[in-house]
């Protein structure tokens, strides 16, 4: 690892440590997690749901959570381990890592409280030099960290190396940098996390990161409906939810008719696949 990259990772890890120092561990069940994961536009006015539930649910579907029992999964940059615990609750054996010691401490306790500590192994490490053998994992998952690890040159090669032939790496990621109207939303969401780093990605960045894999598929979510993020909790008010449902319907029609608009969407799910062995 070059000295500048090492210093960058250490600096960002320290920034995340400061943030996660105030986080607490939680006990999860599969039912409670999936209830919280439900997309808020699919729910009635009395239920909250998750603002980004649509994209994250789709990412899990790509990952194959319905058939993930007894498979081995790597959770890249796992943070406080919500996805790690959920994948273990679905029956997977999960290895999870993050550069933040504080995040891993919270994640370990959550796994213990949730009864899956025997199915999870946590590690504090960076994404450039993974201590796993070639072809160790059936799948790789990463939530909201591609805009961070994009700055680490070896990360993609390492993930492709530890992924089995035919395996898939799925990233659930925030807005790309093509739409200038999303800059206020990005600023609003990231204003407390400036020291953690990261940058707005482009479609070219996603494809360049995927060079060590066989192919890349980019799935786009939320054009007009991305205003939900700026509205935050107000998005769940009945009349605003009605307006956002209309925006979502318009999004579906416009993105189908004019595919070029997809690059301006507010969320992406990216899937990279390793070539199958001959």
Protein backbone atom coordinates (compact mmCIF):
# COMPACT_ATOMS: atom_id res chain seq x y z
CA UNK A 1 0.00 0.00 0.00
CA UNK A 2 1.39 3.42 -0.86
CA UNK A 3 1.95 5.84 2.00
CA UNK A 4 -0.68 8.36 0.79
CA UNK A 5 -3.34 5.64 0.51
CA UNK A 6 -2.44 4.24 3.93
CA UNK A 7 -2.73 7.72 5.44
CA UNK A 8 -6.05 8.29 3.68
CA UNK A 9 -7.52 5.04 5.03
CA UNK A 10 -6.26 5.77 8.55
CA UNK A 11 -7.66 9.29 8.48
CA UNK A 12 -11.07 8.11 7.31
CA UNK A 13 -11.12 5.28 9.86
CA UNK A 14 -10.45 7.81 12.62
CA UNK A 15 -13.31 9.99 11.39
CA UNK A 16 -15.70 7.04 11.38
CA UNK A 17 -14.52 6.02 14.85
CA UNK A 18 -15.63 9.42 16.13
CA UNK A 19 -19.06 9.00 14.55
CA UNK A 20 -19.65 5.41 15.64
CA UNK A 21 -18.58 6.19 19.23
CA UNK A 22 -22.16 7.39 19.78
CA UNK A 23 -23.84 4.39 18.12
CA UNK A 24 -25.33 1.53 20.07
CA UNK A 25 -25.71 -2.13 19.29
CA UNK A 26 -29.14 -3.65 18.62
CA UNK A 27 -30.83 -7.00 18.70
CA UNK A 28 -32.24 -7.90 15.28
CA UNK A 29 -34.52 -10.65 14.13
CA UNK A 30 -35.15 -11.47 10.50
CA UNK A 31 -38.74 -10.29 10.89
CA UNK A 32 -37.85 -7.00 12.57
CA UNK A 33 -35.17 -6.21 10.02
CA UNK A 34 -37.40 -6.96 7.05
CA UNK A 35 -40.21 -4.94 8.59
CA UNK A 36 -37.89 -1.94 8.87
CA UNK A 37 -36.58 -2.62 5.37
CA UNK A 38 -40.04 -2.34 3.79
CA UNK A 39 -40.15 0.51 1.27
CA UNK A 40 -42.18 3.37 2.71
CA UNK A 41 -44.11 4.02 -0.54
CA UNK A 42 -45.40 0.44 -0.43
CA UNK A 43 -46.88 0.98 3.04
CA UNK A 44 -49.98 2.75 4.30
CA UNK A 45 -49.91 6.07 6.11
CA UNK A 46 -49.66 4.51 9.56
CA UNK A 47 -46.43 2.60 8.83
CA UNK A 48 -43.06 4.30 8.36
CA UNK A 49 -40.90 1.94 6.33
CA UNK A 50 -37.44 2.76 5.00
CA UNK A 51 -36.79 5.64 2.60
CA UNK A 52 -34.27 3.55 0.64
CA UNK A 53 -36.01 0.22 1.10
CA UNK A 54 -36.71 -0.20 -2.60
CA UNK A 55 -33.06 -0.11 -3.65
CA UNK A 56 -31.72 -2.10 -0.71
CA UNK A 57 -34.38 -4.77 -1.09
CA UNK A 58 -33.46 -5.09 -4.77
CA UNK A 59 -29.77 -5.40 -3.86
CA UNK A 60 -30.56 -8.26 -1.49
CA UNK A 61 -32.61 -9.95 -4.22
CA UNK A 62 -29.62 -9.75 -6.57
CA UNK A 63 -27.46 -11.20 -3.83
CA UNK A 64 -29.85 -14.14 -3.65
CA UNK A 65 -30.95 -13.92 -0.02
CA UNK A 66 -33.76 -16.41 -0.68
CA UNK A 67 -31.15 -19.11 -1.38
CA UNK A 68 -28.22 -17.84 0.63
CA UNK A 69 -28.45 -20.39 3.45
CA UNK A 70 -25.07 -22.05 4.12
CA UNK A 71 -23.31 -19.88 1.54
CA UNK A 72 -20.26 -17.83 2.49
CA UNK A 73 -20.58 -14.06 2.05
CA UNK A 74 -18.15 -11.19 2.50
CA UNK A 75 -19.63 -7.94 3.83
CA UNK A 76 -17.22 -5.25 2.63
CA UNK A 77 -17.00 -2.10 4.77
CA UNK A 78 -19.75 -3.44 7.01
CA UNK A 79 -20.04 -0.45 9.34
CA UNK A 80 -22.06 -1.34 12.42
CA UNK A 81 -23.07 -4.65 10.89
CA UNK A 82 -26.79 -4.41 10.14
CA UNK A 83 -26.45 -6.19 6.80
CA UNK A 84 -23.95 -8.62 8.31
CA UNK A 85 -26.42 -9.69 10.97
CA UNK A 86 -29.29 -9.87 8.48
CA UNK A 87 -27.36 -12.11 6.09
CA UNK A 88 -26.44 -14.37 9.00
CA UNK A 89 -30.09 -14.47 10.08
CA UNK A 90 -30.89 -15.66 6.55
CA UNK A 91 -28.50 -18.57 7.10
CA UNK A 92 -25.29 -17.35 5.47
CA UNK A 93 -21.82 -17.66 6.95
CA UNK A 94 -20.53 -14.09 6.89
CA UNK A 95 -17.09 -12.56 7.08
CA UNK A 96 -17.32 -8.80 7.61
CA UNK A 97 -14.70 -6.10 7.83
CA UNK A 98 -14.36 -2.37 8.24
CA UNK A 99 -11.47 0.00 8.87
CA UNK A 100 -13.25 1.50 11.90
CA UNK A 101 -12.58 -0.32 15.18
CA UNK A 102 -15.53 1.40 16.81
CA UNK A 103 -17.90 0.20 14.08
CA UNK A 104 -16.67 -3.38 14.42
CA UNK A 105 -17.13 -3.25 18.20
CA UNK A 106 -20.78 -2.22 17.75
CA UNK A 107 -21.27 -4.83 15.02
CA UNK A 108 -19.87 -7.66 17.16
CA UNK A 109 -22.20 -6.83 20.02
CA UNK A 110 -25.21 -6.64 17.68
CA UNK A 111 -24.35 -10.06 16.26
CA UNK A 112 -24.09 -11.46 19.77
CA UNK A 113 -27.42 -9.92 20.84
CA UNK A 114 -29.06 -11.25 17.67
CA UNK A 115 -27.86 -14.81 18.25
CA UNK A 116 -25.67 -15.11 15.13
CA UNK A 117 -22.19 -14.64 16.59
CA UNK A 118 -21.33 -18.22 15.63
CA UNK A 119 -22.08 -17.46 11.95
CA UNK A 120 -20.13 -14.22 11.70
CA UNK A 121 -16.44 -13.33 11.79
CA UNK A 122 -15.51 -9.65 12.05
CA UNK A 123 -12.18 -8.03 11.29
CA UNK A 124 -10.69 -4.54 11.38
CA UNK A 125 -8.84 -4.10 8.11
CA UNK A 126 -8.68 -2.05 4.94
CA UNK A 127 -10.10 -3.16 1.62
CA UNK A 128 -6.82 -3.29 -0.28
CA UNK A 129 -5.17 -6.35 1.24
CA UNK A 130 -7.73 -8.98 2.21
CA UNK A 131 -6.47 -11.94 4.28
CA UNK A 132 -8.73 -14.47 2.56
CA UNK A 133 -7.77 -17.23 0.14
CA UNK A 134 -8.63 -17.01 -3.55
CA UNK A 135 -12.24 -17.96 -4.27
CA UNK A 136 -13.32 -17.94 -0.63
CA UNK A 137 -16.76 -16.36 -1.06
CA UNK A 138 -19.96 -17.15 -2.93
CA UNK A 139 -20.92 -13.47 -2.88
CA UNK A 140 -19.74 -10.03 -1.80
CA UNK A 141 -22.02 -7.31 -0.46
CA UNK A 142 -21.30 -3.64 0.17
CA UNK A 143 -23.76 -0.97 1.28
CA UNK A 144 -23.03 2.73 0.78
CA UNK A 145 -19.23 2.44 0.66
CA UNK A 146 -18.30 2.24 -3.02
CA UNK A 147 -17.88 6.03 -3.08
CA UNK A 148 -15.23 5.51 -0.38
CA UNK A 149 -13.30 2.47 -1.66
CA UNK A 150 -13.28 3.84 -5.20
CA UNK A 151 -10.16 5.73 -4.05
CA UNK A 152 -8.32 2.52 -3.13
CA UNK A 153 -6.64 1.16 -6.29
CA UNK A 154 -6.32 -2.49 -5.20
CA UNK A 155 -9.79 -2.93 -3.72
CA UNK A 156 -11.61 -4.20 -6.83
CA UNK A 157 -8.84 -6.68 -7.66
CA UNK A 158 -8.93 -8.03 -4.12
CA UNK A 159 -12.71 -8.45 -4.13
CA UNK A 160 -12.56 -10.22 -7.50
CA UNK A 161 -9.77 -12.46 -6.20
CA UNK A 162 -11.61 -13.69 -3.11
CA UNK A 163 -14.89 -14.18 -5.00
CA UNK A 164 -15.60 -17.63 -6.39
CA UNK A 165 -15.90 -18.19 -10.17
CA UNK A 166 -19.39 -17.10 -11.19
CA UNK A 167 -19.86 -15.23 -7.91
CA UNK A 168 -21.42 -11.77 -7.71
CA UNK A 169 -20.42 -8.61 -5.86
CA UNK A 170 -23.39 -6.33 -5.17
CA UNK A 171 -23.04 -2.67 -4.19
CA UNK A 172 -25.93 -0.48 -3.05
CA UNK A 173 -24.76 3.05 -3.64
CA UNK A 174 -25.86 6.66 -3.39
CA UNK A 175 -26.47 9.17 -6.17
CA UNK A 176 -24.04 9.42 -9.08
CA UNK A 177 -22.50 12.75 -9.94
CA UNK A 178 -24.22 13.36 -13.27
CA UNK A 179 -27.21 15.31 -12.00
CA UNK A 180 -26.41 18.84 -10.76
CA UNK A 181 -29.86 19.09 -9.15
CA UNK A 182 -28.88 16.35 -6.71
CA UNK A 183 -25.93 18.30 -5.33
CA UNK A 184 -28.05 19.96 -2.58
CA UNK A 185 -29.38 16.55 -1.55
CA UNK A 186 -25.88 15.10 -1.47
CA UNK A 187 -24.65 18.05 0.58
CA UNK A 188 -27.59 17.71 2.98
CA UNK A 189 -26.95 14.01 3.52
CA UNK A 190 -23.15 14.18 3.72
CA UNK A 191 -22.65 17.46 5.60
CA UNK A 192 -21.89 15.66 8.89
CA UNK A 193 -19.52 13.17 7.24
CA UNK A 194 -17.16 15.37 5.26
CA UNK A 195 -14.10 14.07 7.11
CA UNK A 196 -15.07 10.50 6.20
CA UNK A 197 -14.26 11.19 2.56
CA UNK A 198 -15.90 9.84 -0.54
CA UNK A 199 -16.95 11.50 -3.75
CA UNK A 200 -19.77 11.46 -6.24
CA UNK A 201 -19.27 8.67 -8.75
CA UNK A 202 -19.92 8.52 -12.47
CA UNK A 203 -20.96 5.63 -14.68
CA UNK A 204 -17.38 5.60 -15.95
CA UNK A 205 -16.12 5.18 -12.35
CA UNK A 206 -18.42 2.19 -11.85
CA UNK A 207 -17.22 0.50 -15.02
CA UNK A 208 -13.56 1.24 -14.28
CA UNK A 209 -13.92 -0.25 -10.80
CA UNK A 210 -15.45 -3.35 -12.39
CA UNK A 211 -12.48 -4.01 -14.70
CA UNK A 212 -11.26 -7.10 -12.73
CA UNK A 213 -14.70 -8.73 -13.06
CA UNK A 214 -16.33 -10.25 -16.14
CA UNK A 215 -19.21 -7.80 -16.44
CA UNK A 216 -21.05 -4.99 -14.71
CA UNK A 217 -24.77 -4.27 -14.49
CA UNK A 218 -26.00 -0.90 -13.22
CA UNK A 219 -29.57 -0.57 -11.96
CA UNK A 220 -30.93 2.94 -11.46
CA UNK A 221 -33.52 4.11 -8.93
CA UNK A 222 -35.28 7.41 -8.25
CA UNK A 223 -35.31 10.31 -10.65
CA UNK A 224 -38.03 12.69 -9.46
CA UNK A 225 -38.67 10.44 -6.47
CA UNK A 226 -35.18 11.15 -5.11
CA UNK A 227 -36.70 14.26 -3.53
CA UNK A 228 -37.68 11.85 -0.72
CA UNK A 229 -34.14 12.13 0.64
CA UNK A 230 -34.22 15.91 0.94
CA UNK A 231 -37.66 15.76 2.56
CA UNK A 232 -36.55 13.12 5.05
CA UNK A 233 -39.23 12.25 7.58
CA UNK A 234 -41.71 14.57 5.87
CA UNK A 235 -41.79 12.06 3.00
CA UNK A 236 -43.98 9.82 5.15
CA UNK A 237 -46.77 12.37 5.54
CA UNK A 238 -49.82 11.07 3.64
CA UNK A 239 -50.16 13.87 1.08
CA UNK A 240 -46.40 13.99 0.39
CA UNK A 241 -46.33 10.21 0.07
CA UNK A 242 -49.13 10.46 -2.49
CA UNK A 243 -47.09 12.98 -4.49
CA UNK A 244 -43.99 10.79 -4.28
CA UNK A 245 -45.93 7.77 -5.49
CA UNK A 246 -46.90 9.82 -8.53
CA UNK A 247 -43.26 10.80 -9.01
CA UNK A 248 -42.26 7.14 -8.84
CA UNK A 249 -44.82 6.28 -11.53
CA UNK A 250 -43.49 9.09 -13.72
CA UNK A 251 -39.95 7.86 -13.11
CA UNK A 252 -40.82 4.38 -14.30
CA UNK A 253 -42.43 5.68 -17.48
CA UNK A 254 -39.69 8.21 -18.28
CA UNK A 255 -36.78 5.86 -17.61
CA UNK A 256 -38.36 3.22 -19.83
CA UNK A 257 -38.90 5.70 -22.67
CA UNK A 258 -35.67 7.68 -22.32
CA UNK A 259 -32.90 5.41 -20.96
CA UNK A 260 -30.40 8.28 -21.15
CA UNK A 261 -32.11 9.78 -18.09
CA UNK A 262 -30.98 6.87 -15.93
CA UNK A 263 -27.61 8.43 -15.27
CA UNK A 264 -29.39 11.27 -13.46
CA UNK A 265 -31.13 9.01 -10.94
CA UNK A 266 -30.60 9.29 -7.22
CA UNK A 267 -29.60 5.72 -6.34
CA UNK A 268 -27.81 2.85 -8.04
CA UNK A 269 -27.34 -0.83 -7.36
CA UNK A 270 -24.26 -2.22 -9.09
CA UNK A 271 -23.60 -5.90 -9.68
CA UNK A 272 -20.18 -7.22 -10.73
CA UNK A 273 -19.79 -10.87 -11.68
CA UNK A 274 -16.71 -13.05 -11.84
CA UNK A 275 -16.26 -15.26 -14.92
CA UNK A 276 -17.33 -18.86 -14.44
CA UNK A 277 -14.54 -21.43 -14.39
CA UNK A 278 -14.01 -23.26 -17.66
